[in-house]
Amino acid sequence: MLSSAVPQATEQIIYPDLPLAIYREIATHLMQVNGTQTHLITQDSPTFNYTQSQIKALVVQYHSEFKLQIETILNFYASRYGTYQRLEISR
């Protein structure tokens, strides 16, 4: 069990053209890291576009001590699906 004193990080992960199924796979993979929670943010574009992802971003909240594991998972998917954008969300 992790102490509540462990600092947490919250980030938005954006793969611009990634399909919904792969976002879900990444979210599930990340949740295997102890204490990690994920949330998908749906696309808010007013017009539908087949080339645009259905997901705007993946929000990941994790204990800072597991940052290397989170980065390893994200880099695994980046090697298959291209680079991603990572934005830290301040609390």
PDB file of N, CA and C in Angstrom:
ATOM      1  N   MET A   1       0.836  -1.179   0.000  1.00  0.00           N
ATOM      2  CA  MET A   1       0.000   0.000   0.000  1.00  0.00           C
ATOM      3  C   MET A   1       0.882   1.243   0.000  1.00  0.00           C
ATOM      4  N   LEU A   2       0.485   2.245  -0.767  1.00  0.00           N
ATOM      5  CA  LEU A   2       1.245   3.480  -0.863  1.00  0.00           C
ATOM      6  C   LEU A   2       0.762   4.484   0.161  1.00  0.00           C
ATOM      7  N   SER A   3       1.703   5.244   0.663  1.00  0.00           N
ATOM      8  CA  SER A   3       1.368   6.301   1.602  1.00  0.00           C
ATOM      9  C   SER A   3       0.712   7.455   0.857  1.00  0.00           C
ATOM     10  N   SER A   4      -0.215   8.137   1.519  1.00  0.00           N
ATOM     11  CA  SER A   4      -0.857   9.287   0.887  1.00  0.00           C
ATOM     12  C   SER A   4       0.111  10.455   0.773  1.00  0.00           C
ATOM     13  N   ALA A   5       1.284  10.350   1.431  1.00  0.00           N
ATOM     14  CA  ALA A   5       2.282  11.411   1.368  1.00  0.00           C
ATOM     15  C   ALA A   5       3.092  11.356   0.067  1.00  0.00           C
ATOM     16  N   VAL A   6       2.950  10.293  -0.707  1.00  0.00           N
ATOM     17  CA  VAL A   6       3.677  10.170  -1.966  1.00  0.00           C
ATOM     18  C   VAL A   6       3.105  11.178  -2.956  1.00  0.00           C
ATOM     19  N   PRO A   7       3.967  12.041  -3.531  1.00  0.00           N
ATOM     20  CA  PRO A   7       3.453  13.030  -4.479  1.00  0.00           C
ATOM     21  C   PRO A   7       2.844  12.362  -5.712  1.00  0.00           C
ATOM     22  N   GLN A   8       1.770  12.959  -6.201  1.00  0.00           N
ATOM     23  CA  GLN A   8       1.120  12.427  -7.389  1.00  0.00           C
ATOM     24  C   GLN A   8       1.307  13.385  -8.549  1.00  0.00           C
ATOM     25  N   ALA A   9       1.366  12.811  -9.741  1.00  0.00           N
ATOM     26  CA  ALA A   9       1.447  13.602 -10.967  1.00  0.00           C
ATOM     27  C   ALA A   9       0.181  13.339 -11.775  1.00  0.00           C
ATOM     28  N   THR A  10      -0.293  14.365 -12.469  1.00  0.00           N
ATOM     29  CA  THR A  10      -1.436  14.220 -13.359  1.00  0.00           C
ATOM     30  C   THR A  10      -1.038  14.826 -14.695  1.00  0.00           C
ATOM     31  N   GLU A  11      -1.229  14.048 -15.755  1.00  0.00           N
ATOM     32  CA  GLU A  11      -0.835  14.483 -17.087  1.00  0.00           C
ATOM     33  C   GLU A  11      -1.908  14.146 -18.111  1.00  0.00           C
ATOM     34  N   GLN A  12      -1.920  14.931 -19.187  1.00  0.00           N
ATOM     35  CA  GLN A  12      -2.732  14.602 -20.360  1.00  0.00           C
ATOM     36  C   GLN A  12      -1.780  14.049 -21.408  1.00  0.00           C
ATOM     37  N   ILE A  13      -2.152  12.929 -21.976  1.00  0.00           N
ATOM     38  CA  ILE A  13      -1.365  12.297 -23.032  1.00  0.00           C
ATOM     39  C   ILE A  13      -2.186  12.384 -24.308  1.00  0.00           C
ATOM     40  N   ILE A  14      -1.577  12.904 -25.378  1.00  0.00           N
ATOM     41  CA  ILE A  14      -2.299  13.098 -26.633  1.00  0.00           C
ATOM     42  C   ILE A  14      -1.535  12.448 -27.778  1.00  0.00           C
ATOM     43  N   TYR A  15      -2.168  11.463 -28.397  1.00  0.00           N
ATOM     44  CA  TYR A  15      -1.701  10.868 -29.650  1.00  0.00           C
ATOM     45  C   TYR A  15      -2.718  11.339 -30.695  1.00  0.00           C
ATOM     46  N   PRO A  16      -2.372  12.292 -31.555  1.00  0.00           N
ATOM     47  CA  PRO A  16      -3.365  12.957 -32.410  1.00  0.00           C
ATOM     48  C   PRO A  16      -4.260  12.058 -33.269  1.00  0.00           C
ATOM     49  N   ASP A  17      -3.745  10.973 -33.810  1.00  0.00           N
ATOM     50  CA  ASP A  17      -4.531  10.159 -34.740  1.00  0.00           C
ATOM     51  C   ASP A  17      -4.808   8.753 -34.232  1.00  0.00           C
ATOM     52  N   LEU A  18      -4.672   8.544 -32.958  1.00  0.00           N
ATOM     53  CA  LEU A  18      -4.807   7.197 -32.396  1.00  0.00           C
ATOM     54  C   LEU A  18      -6.262   6.755 -32.296  1.00  0.00           C
ATOM     55  N   PRO A  19      -6.578   5.540 -32.713  1.00  0.00           N
ATOM     56  CA  PRO A  19      -7.956   5.031 -32.602  1.00  0.00           C
ATOM     57  C   PRO A  19      -8.368   4.807 -31.135  1.00  0.00           C
ATOM     58  N   LEU A  20      -9.653   4.844 -30.911  1.00  0.00           N
ATOM     59  CA  LEU A  20     -10.234   4.650 -29.585  1.00  0.00           C
ATOM     60  C   LEU A  20      -9.737   3.351 -28.934  1.00  0.00           C
ATOM     61  N   ALA A  21      -9.722   2.265 -29.672  1.00  0.00           N
ATOM     62  CA  ALA A  21      -9.325   0.966 -29.108  1.00  0.00           C
ATOM     63  C   ALA A  21      -7.900   1.001 -28.563  1.00  0.00           C
ATOM     64  N   ILE A  22      -7.015   1.697 -29.243  1.00  0.00           N
ATOM     65  CA  ILE A  22      -5.626   1.757 -28.784  1.00  0.00           C
ATOM     66  C   ILE A  22      -5.517   2.660 -27.556  1.00  0.00           C
ATOM     67  N   TYR A  23      -6.262   3.760 -27.528  1.00  0.00           N
ATOM     68  CA  TYR A  23      -6.299   4.586 -26.306  1.00  0.00           C
ATOM     69  C   TYR A  23      -6.763   3.736 -25.118  1.00  0.00           C
ATOM     70  N   ARG A  24      -7.780   2.920 -25.327  1.00  0.00           N
ATOM     71  CA  ARG A  24      -8.280   2.062 -24.236  1.00  0.00           C
ATOM     72  C   ARG A  24      -7.225   1.038 -23.807  1.00  0.00           C
ATOM     73  N   GLU A  25      -6.499   0.514 -24.782  1.00  0.00           N
ATOM     74  CA  GLU A  25      -5.433  -0.449 -24.470  1.00  0.00           C
ATOM     75  C   GLU A  25      -4.340   0.229 -23.632  1.00  0.00           C
ATOM     76  N   ILE A  26      -3.952   1.436 -24.024  1.00  0.00           N
ATOM     77  CA  ILE A  26      -2.930   2.171 -23.268  1.00  0.00           C
ATOM     78  C   ILE A  26      -3.428   2.455 -21.849  1.00  0.00           C
ATOM     79  N   ALA A  27      -4.667   2.904 -21.725  1.00  0.00           N
ATOM     80  CA  ALA A  27      -5.238   3.201 -20.403  1.00  0.00           C
ATOM     81  C   ALA A  27      -5.215   1.957 -19.511  1.00  0.00           C
ATOM     82  N   THR A  28      -5.592   0.826 -20.068  1.00  0.00           N
ATOM     83  CA  THR A  28      -5.604  -0.424 -19.302  1.00  0.00           C
ATOM     84  C   THR A  28      -4.196  -0.831 -18.897  1.00  0.00           C
ATOM     85  N   HIS A  29      -3.265  -0.692 -19.818  1.00  0.00           N
ATOM     86  CA  HIS A  29      -1.869  -1.023 -19.529  1.00  0.00           C
ATOM     87  C   HIS A  29      -1.328  -0.119 -18.411  1.00  0.00           C
ATOM     88  N   LEU A  30      -1.611   1.172 -18.473  1.00  0.00           N
ATOM     89  CA  LEU A  30      -1.136   2.103 -17.450  1.00  0.00           C
ATOM     90  C   LEU A  30      -1.735   1.803 -16.078  1.00  0.00           C
ATOM     91  N   MET A  31      -2.994   1.375 -16.047  1.00  0.00           N
ATOM     92  CA  MET A  31      -3.647   1.091 -14.759  1.00  0.00           C
ATOM     93  C   MET A  31      -3.061  -0.134 -14.065  1.00  0.00           C
ATOM     94  N   GLN A  32      -2.217  -0.883 -14.755  1.00  0.00           N
ATOM     95  CA  GLN A  32      -1.532  -2.008 -14.115  1.00  0.00           C
ATOM     96  C   GLN A  32      -0.406  -1.531 -13.206  1.00  0.00           C
ATOM     97  N   VAL A  33      -0.008  -0.264 -13.343  1.00  0.00           N
ATOM     98  CA  VAL A  33       0.998   0.328 -12.458  1.00  0.00           C
ATOM     99  C   VAL A  33       0.297   0.720 -11.160  1.00  0.00           C
ATOM    100  N   ASN A  34       0.846   0.309 -10.048  1.00  0.00           N
ATOM    101  CA  ASN A  34       0.257   0.513  -8.729  1.00  0.00           C
ATOM    102  C   ASN A  34      -0.168   1.968  -8.511  1.00  0.00           C
ATOM    103  N   GLY A  35      -1.429   2.182  -8.151  1.00  0.00           N
ATOM    104  CA  GLY A  35      -1.936   3.500  -7.807  1.00  0.00           C
ATOM    105  C   GLY A  35      -2.257   4.412  -8.978  1.00  0.00           C
ATOM    106  N   THR A  36      -2.226   3.895 -10.201  1.00  0.00           N
ATOM    107  CA  THR A  36      -2.471   4.721 -11.382  1.00  0.00           C
ATOM    108  C   THR A  36      -3.943   4.700 -11.758  1.00  0.00           C
ATOM    109  N   GLN A  37      -4.464   5.881 -12.113  1.00  0.00           N
ATOM    110  CA  GLN A  37      -5.833   6.012 -12.589  1.00  0.00           C
ATOM    111  C   GLN A  37      -5.797   6.706 -13.938  1.00  0.00           C
ATOM    112  N   THR A  38      -6.736   6.348 -14.824  1.00  0.00           N
ATOM    113  CA  THR A  38      -6.795   6.967 -16.146  1.00  0.00           C
ATOM    114  C   THR A  38      -8.222   7.391 -16.460  1.00  0.00           C
ATOM    115  N   HIS A  39      -8.332   8.323 -17.387  1.00  0.00           N
ATOM    116  CA  HIS A  39      -9.631   8.823 -17.827  1.00  0.00           C
ATOM    117  C   HIS A  39      -9.490   9.292 -19.269  1.00  0.00           C
ATOM    118  N   LEU A  40     -10.403   8.879 -20.129  1.00  0.00           N
ATOM    119  CA  LEU A  40     -10.382   9.310 -21.520  1.00  0.00           C
ATOM    120  C   LEU A  40     -11.254  10.552 -21.694  1.00  0.00           C
ATOM    121  N   ILE A  41     -10.735  11.541 -22.404  1.00  0.00           N
ATOM    122  CA  ILE A  41     -11.493  12.751 -22.727  1.00  0.00           C
ATOM    123  C   ILE A  41     -11.896  12.645 -24.193  1.00  0.00           C
ATOM    124  N   THR A  42     -13.201  12.674 -24.440  1.00  0.00           N
ATOM    125  CA  THR A  42     -13.681  12.531 -25.816  1.00  0.00           C
ATOM    126  C   THR A  42     -13.426  13.793 -26.634  1.00  0.00           C
ATOM    127  N   GLN A  43     -13.329  13.601 -27.926  1.00  0.00           N
ATOM    128  CA  GLN A  43     -13.097  14.699 -28.863  1.00  0.00           C
ATOM    129  C   GLN A  43     -14.251  15.690 -28.797  1.00  0.00           C
ATOM    130  N   ASP A  44     -13.943  16.969 -28.838  1.00  0.00           N
ATOM    131  CA  ASP A  44     -14.993  17.982 -28.755  1.00  0.00           C
ATOM    132  C   ASP A  44     -15.128  18.798 -30.039  1.00  0.00           C
ATOM    133  N   SER A  45     -14.618  18.266 -31.121  1.00  0.00           N
ATOM    134  CA  SER A  45     -14.715  18.961 -32.405  1.00  0.00           C
ATOM    135  C   SER A  45     -16.181  19.042 -32.837  1.00  0.00           C
ATOM    136  N   PRO A  46     -16.625  20.180 -33.349  1.00  0.00           N
ATOM    137  CA  PRO A  46     -18.026  20.328 -33.762  1.00  0.00           C
ATOM    138  C   PRO A  46     -18.377  19.543 -35.030  1.00  0.00           C
ATOM    139  N   THR A  47     -17.374  19.149 -35.798  1.00  0.00           N
ATOM    140  CA  THR A  47     -17.638  18.378 -37.018  1.00  0.00           C
ATOM    141  C   THR A  47     -16.916  17.044 -36.957  1.00  0.00           C
ATOM    142  N   PHE A  48     -17.559  16.015 -37.478  1.00  0.00           N
ATOM    143  CA  PHE A  48     -16.962  14.689 -37.492  1.00  0.00           C
ATOM    144  C   PHE A  48     -15.935  14.591 -38.607  1.00  0.00           C
ATOM    145  N   ASN A  49     -14.801  13.974 -38.291  1.00  0.00           N
ATOM    146  CA  ASN A  49     -13.744  13.789 -39.266  1.00  0.00           C
ATOM    147  C   ASN A  49     -13.183  12.380 -39.097  1.00  0.00           C
ATOM    148  N   TYR A  50     -13.243  11.561 -40.139  1.00  0.00           N
ATOM    149  CA  TYR A  50     -12.777  10.180 -40.056  1.00  0.00           C
ATOM    150  C   TYR A  50     -11.295  10.070 -39.732  1.00  0.00           C
ATOM    151  N   THR A  51     -10.514  11.080 -40.101  1.00  0.00           N
ATOM    152  CA  THR A  51      -9.075  11.011 -39.863  1.00  0.00           C
ATOM    153  C   THR A  51      -8.684  11.485 -38.468  1.00  0.00           C
ATOM    154  N   GLN A  52      -9.626  12.012 -37.716  1.00  0.00           N
ATOM    155  CA  GLN A  52      -9.354  12.515 -36.371  1.00  0.00           C
ATOM    156  C   GLN A  52      -9.704  11.446 -35.339  1.00  0.00           C
ATOM    157  N   SER A  53      -8.907  11.365 -34.289  1.00  0.00           N
ATOM    158  CA  SER A  53      -9.180  10.417 -33.221  1.00  0.00           C
ATOM    159  C   SER A  53     -10.497  10.754 -32.525  1.00  0.00           C
ATOM    160  N   GLN A  54     -11.189   9.734 -32.025  1.00  0.00           N
ATOM    161  CA  GLN A  54     -12.413   9.957 -31.254  1.00  0.00           C
ATOM    162  C   GLN A  54     -12.095  10.468 -29.854  1.00  0.00           C
ATOM    163  N   ILE A  55     -10.831  10.355 -29.468  1.00  0.00           N
ATOM    164  CA  ILE A  55     -10.390  10.763 -28.144  1.00  0.00           C
ATOM    165  C   ILE A  55      -9.498  11.998 -28.252  1.00  0.00           C
ATOM    166  N   LYS A  56      -9.763  12.968 -27.404  1.00  0.00           N
ATOM    167  CA  LYS A  56      -8.946  14.182 -27.382  1.00  0.00           C
ATOM    168  C   LYS A  56      -7.659  13.952 -26.586  1.00  0.00           C
ATOM    169  N   ALA A  57      -7.782  13.266 -25.435  1.00  0.00           N
ATOM    170  CA  ALA A  57      -6.617  13.033 -24.581  1.00  0.00           C
ATOM    171  C   ALA A  57      -6.893  11.922 -23.582  1.00  0.00           C
ATOM    172  N   LEU A  58      -5.829  11.379 -23.059  1.00  0.00           N
ATOM    173  CA  LEU A  58      -5.872  10.400 -21.984  1.00  0.00           C
ATOM    174  C   LEU A  58      -5.295  11.092 -20.754  1.00  0.00           C
ATOM    175  N   VAL A  59      -6.072  11.177 -19.686  1.00  0.00           N
ATOM    176  CA  VAL A  59      -5.583  11.765 -18.442  1.00  0.00           C
ATOM    177  C   VAL A  59      -5.057  10.631 -17.573  1.00  0.00           C
ATOM    178  N   VAL A  60      -3.845  10.812 -17.077  1.00  0.00           N
ATOM    179  CA  VAL A  60      -3.197   9.792 -16.254  1.00  0.00           C
ATOM    180  C   VAL A  60      -2.786  10.420 -14.934  1.00  0.00           C
ATOM    181  N   GLN A  61      -3.220   9.814 -13.851  1.00  0.00           N
ATOM    182  CA  GLN A  61      -2.812  10.247 -12.514  1.00  0.00           C
ATOM    183  C   GLN A  61      -2.041   9.089 -11.897  1.00  0.00           C
ATOM    184  N   TYR A  62      -0.825   9.386 -11.432  1.00  0.00           N
ATOM    185  CA  TYR A  62       0.023   8.321 -10.910  1.00  0.00           C
ATOM    186  C   TYR A  62       0.926   8.851  -9.801  1.00  0.00           C
ATOM    187  N   HIS A  63       1.434   7.930  -8.985  1.00  0.00           N
ATOM    188  CA  HIS A  63       2.392   8.276  -7.945  1.00  0.00           C
ATOM    189  C   HIS A  63       3.731   8.560  -8.612  1.00  0.00           C
ATOM    190  N   SER A  64       4.352   9.650  -8.240  1.00  0.00           N
ATOM    191  CA  SER A  64       5.590  10.104  -8.883  1.00  0.00           C
ATOM    192  C   SER A  64       6.689   9.048  -8.866  1.00  0.00           C
ATOM    193  N   GLU A  65       6.689   8.193  -7.878  1.00  0.00           N
ATOM    194  CA  GLU A  65       7.729   7.171  -7.802  1.00  0.00           C
ATOM    195  C   GLU A  65       7.631   6.159  -8.956  1.00  0.00           C
ATOM    196  N   PHE A  66       6.506   6.135  -9.662  1.00  0.00           N
ATOM    197  CA  PHE A  66       6.332   5.206 -10.783  1.00  0.00           C
ATOM    198  C   PHE A  66       6.462   5.894 -12.147  1.00  0.00           C
ATOM    199  N   LYS A  67       7.035   7.084 -12.149  1.00  0.00           N
ATOM    200  CA  LYS A  67       7.155   7.849 -13.404  1.00  0.00           C
ATOM    201  C   LYS A  67       7.907   7.074 -14.485  1.00  0.00           C
ATOM    202  N   LEU A  68       8.968   6.398 -14.121  1.00  0.00           N
ATOM    203  CA  LEU A  68       9.746   5.639 -15.105  1.00  0.00           C
ATOM    204  C   LEU A  68       8.904   4.535 -15.739  1.00  0.00           C
ATOM    205  N   GLN A  69       8.103   3.843 -14.952  1.00  0.00           N
ATOM    206  CA  GLN A  69       7.229   2.797 -15.495  1.00  0.00           C
ATOM    207  C   GLN A  69       6.195   3.392 -16.453  1.00  0.00           C
ATOM    208  N   ILE A  70       5.623   4.534 -16.091  1.00  0.00           N
ATOM    209  CA  ILE A  70       4.641   5.209 -16.951  1.00  0.00           C
ATOM    210  C   ILE A  70       5.298   5.599 -18.266  1.00  0.00           C
ATOM    211  N   GLU A  71       6.491   6.198 -18.199  1.00  0.00           N
ATOM    212  CA  GLU A  71       7.205   6.605 -19.406  1.00  0.00           C
ATOM    213  C   GLU A  71       7.560   5.408 -20.290  1.00  0.00           C
ATOM    214  N   THR A  72       7.936   4.308 -19.676  1.00  0.00           N
ATOM    215  CA  THR A  72       8.274   3.102 -20.439  1.00  0.00           C
ATOM    216  C   THR A  72       7.066   2.601 -21.227  1.00  0.00           C
ATOM    217  N   ILE A  73       5.905   2.580 -20.597  1.00  0.00           N
ATOM    218  CA  ILE A  73       4.682   2.145 -21.277  1.00  0.00           C
ATOM    219  C   ILE A  73       4.335   3.106 -22.417  1.00  0.00           C
ATOM    220  N   LEU A  74       4.371   4.414 -22.144  1.00  0.00           N
ATOM    221  CA  LEU A  74       4.045   5.398 -23.176  1.00  0.00           C
ATOM    222  C   LEU A  74       5.024   5.314 -24.350  1.00  0.00           C
ATOM    223  N   ASN A  75       6.293   5.114 -24.062  1.00  0.00           N
ATOM    224  CA  ASN A  75       7.287   5.001 -25.133  1.00  0.00           C
ATOM    225  C   ASN A  75       7.119   3.728 -25.944  1.00  0.00           C
ATOM    226  N   PHE A  76       6.650   2.667 -25.308  1.00  0.00           N
ATOM    227  CA  PHE A  76       6.349   1.428 -26.029  1.00  0.00           C
ATOM    228  C   PHE A  76       5.297   1.700 -27.111  1.00  0.00           C
ATOM    229  N   TYR A  77       4.230   2.395 -26.737  1.00  0.00           N
ATOM    230  CA  TYR A  77       3.175   2.707 -27.712  1.00  0.00           C
ATOM    231  C   TYR A  77       3.639   3.744 -28.733  1.00  0.00           C
ATOM    232  N   ALA A  78       4.479   4.672 -28.314  1.00  0.00           N
ATOM    233  CA  ALA A  78       5.018   5.668 -29.255  1.00  0.00           C
ATOM    234  C   ALA A  78       5.855   4.988 -30.335  1.00  0.00           C
ATOM    235  N   SER A  79       6.550   3.924 -29.981  1.00  0.00           N
ATOM    236  CA  SER A  79       7.369   3.218 -30.980  1.00  0.00           C
ATOM    237  C   SER A  79       6.509   2.530 -32.035  1.00  0.00           C
ATOM    238  N   ARG A  80       5.257   2.273 -31.713  1.00  0.00           N
ATOM    239  CA  ARG A  80       4.350   1.618 -32.657  1.00  0.00           C
ATOM    240  C   ARG A  80       3.402   2.587 -33.371  1.00  0.00           C
ATOM    241  N   TYR A  81       3.006   3.663 -32.674  1.00  0.00           N
ATOM    242  CA  TYR A  81       1.962   4.541 -33.200  1.00  0.00           C
ATOM    243  C   TYR A  81       2.401   5.987 -33.400  1.00  0.00           C
ATOM    244  N   GLY A  82       3.660   6.284 -33.155  1.00  0.00           N
ATOM    245  CA  GLY A  82       4.162   7.643 -33.358  1.00  0.00           C
ATOM    246  C   GLY A  82       4.232   8.438 -32.067  1.00  0.00           C
ATOM    247  N   THR A  83       4.792   9.607 -32.181  1.00  0.00           N
ATOM    248  CA  THR A  83       5.028  10.435 -31.001  1.00  0.00           C
ATOM    249  C   THR A  83       3.725  10.937 -30.377  1.00  0.00           C
ATOM    250  N   TYR A  84       3.815  11.280 -29.140  1.00  0.00           N
ATOM    251  CA  TYR A  84       2.675  11.790 -28.399  1.00  0.00           C
ATOM    252  C   TYR A  84       3.050  13.105 -27.741  1.00  0.00           C
ATOM    253  N   GLN A  85       2.039  13.846 -27.346  1.00  0.00           N
ATOM    254  CA  GLN A  85       2.235  15.093 -26.616  1.00  0.00           C
ATOM    255  C   GLN A  85       1.869  14.827 -25.159  1.00  0.00           C
ATOM    256  N   ARG A  86       2.636  15.397 -24.263  1.00  0.00           N
ATOM    257  CA  ARG A  86       2.440  15.163 -22.843  1.00  0.00           C
ATOM    258  C   ARG A  86       2.332  16.507 -22.132  1.00  0.00           C
ATOM    259  N   LEU A  87       1.205  16.749 -21.475  1.00  0.00           N
ATOM    260  CA  LEU A  87       0.970  18.021 -20.787  1.00  0.00           C
ATOM    261  C   LEU A  87       0.727  17.761 -19.312  1.00  0.00           C
ATOM    262  N   GLU A  88       1.510  18.400 -18.465  1.00  0.00           N
ATOM    263  CA  GLU A  88       1.311  18.259 -17.030  1.00  0.00           C
ATOM    264  C   GLU A  88       0.126  19.112 -16.604  1.00  0.00           C
ATOM    265  N   ILE A  89      -0.731  18.541 -15.793  1.00  0.00           N
ATOM    266  CA  ILE A  89      -1.903  19.250 -15.274  1.00  0.00           C
ATOM    267  C   ILE A  89      -1.577  19.650 -13.840  1.00  0.00           C
ATOM    268  N   SER A  90      -1.605  20.935 -13.584  1.00  0.00           N
ATOM    269  CA  SER A  90      -1.319  21.396 -12.227  1.00  0.00           C
ATOM    270  C   SER A  90      -2.550  21.229 -11.353  1.00  0.00           C
ATOM    271  N   ARG A  91      -2.323  20.978 -10.107  1.00  0.00           N
ATOM    272  CA  ARG A  91      -3.427  20.747  -9.167  1.00  0.00           C
ATOM    273  C   ARG A  91      -3.631  21.934  -8.302  1.00  0.00           C
TER     274      ARG A  91
END
